[in-house]
Amino acid sequence: MAKKSAVERNRKRELLVKRYAAKREQLKAIARNKDLPVEERFAAQLKLASLPRNSAVSRVRNRCLVSGRPRAFYRKFRMSRIAMRDLASQGLVPGMVKSSW
């Protein structure tokens, strides 16, 4: 089980990403637009830099919904391999059985 503080910090980052997503996209579009004057593009870049650092998508860490584990994460199920195996052993994941030979 991951530390509650790490899980909560990541959840806070996810909320910031959602809140600033539209504004961040607008500023990025202005900064990338080669047709606009350099001063306007630079001003957009400065505004983008002034946004909260944790509002960037790349700052969010994929974590298991069950245990909060950050490693060995399956995106399709939003779970770690360990939580996935436990649920599969209990028969809670349809179509998945624990392999043994």
Protein backbone atom coordinates (compact mmCIF):
# COMPACT_ATOMS: atom_id res chain seq x y z
CA MET A 1 0.00 0.00 0.00
CA ALA A 2 1.36 3.40 -0.97
CA LYS A 3 1.61 6.29 1.43
CA LYS A 4 -1.61 8.24 1.68
CA SER A 5 0.27 11.49 1.23
CA ALA A 6 1.70 10.38 -2.13
CA VAL A 7 -1.71 9.25 -3.37
CA GLU A 8 -3.34 12.51 -2.24
CA ARG A 9 -0.58 14.61 -3.82
CA ASN A 10 -1.15 12.82 -7.10
CA ARG A 11 -4.93 13.30 -6.82
CA LYS A 12 -4.37 17.02 -6.25
CA ARG A 13 -2.23 17.14 -9.40
CA GLU A 14 -5.00 15.43 -11.38
CA LEU A 15 -7.48 18.07 -10.23
CA LEU A 16 -5.09 20.89 -11.19
CA VAL A 17 -4.59 19.36 -14.63
CA LYS A 18 -8.36 19.31 -15.19
CA ARG A 19 -8.77 22.88 -13.95
CA TYR A 20 -6.06 24.41 -16.14
CA ALA A 21 -6.35 22.15 -19.22
CA ALA A 22 -8.30 24.59 -21.41
CA LYS A 23 -6.17 27.61 -20.51
CA ARG A 24 -2.96 25.64 -21.00
CA GLU A 25 -4.10 24.45 -24.46
CA GLN A 26 -4.98 27.99 -25.55
CA LEU A 27 -1.61 29.34 -24.47
CA LYS A 28 0.22 26.47 -26.14
CA ALA A 29 -1.66 27.09 -29.39
CA ILE A 30 -0.70 30.77 -29.32
CA ALA A 31 2.93 29.97 -28.50
CA ARG A 32 3.18 27.46 -31.38
CA ASN A 33 1.46 29.65 -33.99
CA LYS A 34 4.21 30.88 -36.33
CA ASP A 35 1.85 33.42 -37.97
CA LEU A 36 1.63 35.55 -34.82
CA PRO A 37 4.25 38.16 -33.90
CA VAL A 38 7.16 37.03 -31.74
CA GLU A 39 6.19 39.35 -28.87
CA GLU A 40 2.71 37.85 -28.61
CA ARG A 41 4.08 34.30 -28.72
CA PHE A 42 6.65 35.14 -26.05
CA ALA A 43 3.96 36.68 -23.83
CA ALA A 44 1.92 33.46 -24.15
CA GLN A 45 4.99 31.45 -23.22
CA LEU A 46 5.50 33.60 -20.10
CA LYS A 47 1.85 33.14 -19.09
CA LEU A 48 2.23 29.41 -19.62
CA ALA A 49 5.27 29.39 -17.35
CA SER A 50 3.36 31.31 -14.67
CA LEU A 51 0.70 28.57 -14.38
CA PRO A 52 1.08 26.13 -11.48
CA ARG A 53 3.78 23.57 -12.16
CA ASN A 54 1.56 20.70 -11.05
CA SER A 55 -1.05 21.60 -13.67
CA ALA A 56 1.08 19.96 -16.38
CA VAL A 57 -0.12 16.55 -17.56
CA SER A 58 3.38 15.10 -17.38
CA ARG A 59 3.50 15.67 -13.61
CA VAL A 60 0.65 13.19 -12.95
CA ARG A 61 1.81 9.69 -12.05
CA ASN A 62 -0.20 6.62 -13.01
CA ARG A 63 -1.14 4.86 -9.80
CA CYS A 64 -3.11 1.74 -8.99
CA LEU A 65 -6.69 2.47 -7.91
CA VAL A 66 -6.63 -0.38 -5.41
CA SER A 67 -3.26 -0.01 -3.71
CA GLY A 68 -1.82 3.29 -4.95
CA ARG A 69 1.29 1.49 -6.24
CA PRO A 70 3.10 3.61 -8.89
CA ARG A 71 5.04 0.81 -10.61
CA ALA A 72 3.92 -2.08 -12.85
CA PHE A 73 0.73 -0.25 -13.82
CA TYR A 74 -1.70 -1.64 -16.42
CA ARG A 75 -3.42 1.32 -18.09
CA LYS A 76 -6.31 -0.73 -19.41
CA PHE A 77 -7.36 -1.77 -15.91
CA ARG A 78 -5.84 1.16 -13.97
CA MET A 79 -4.30 -1.38 -11.58
CA SER A 80 -0.88 -2.68 -10.64
CA ARG A 81 0.15 -6.22 -11.48
CA ILE A 82 -0.07 -7.27 -7.84
CA ALA A 83 -3.62 -5.99 -7.33
CA MET A 84 -4.58 -7.53 -10.67
CA ARG A 85 -3.24 -10.92 -9.62
CA ASP A 86 -5.03 -10.79 -6.27
CA LEU A 87 -8.36 -9.97 -7.90
CA ALA A 88 -7.83 -12.64 -10.57
CA SER A 89 -7.06 -15.25 -7.88
CA GLN A 90 -10.32 -14.38 -6.17
CA GLY A 91 -12.15 -14.76 -9.48
CA LEU A 92 -13.20 -11.10 -9.67
CA VAL A 93 -11.69 -10.42 -13.11
CA PRO A 94 -13.83 -12.06 -15.80
CA GLY A 95 -11.91 -14.32 -18.18
CA MET A 96 -8.69 -14.23 -16.19
CA VAL A 97 -7.37 -17.23 -14.34
CA LYS A 98 -4.17 -17.69 -12.40
CA SER A 99 -1.74 -19.72 -14.43
CA SER A 100 -0.19 -22.81 -12.92
CA TRP A 101 1.67 -25.78 -14.38
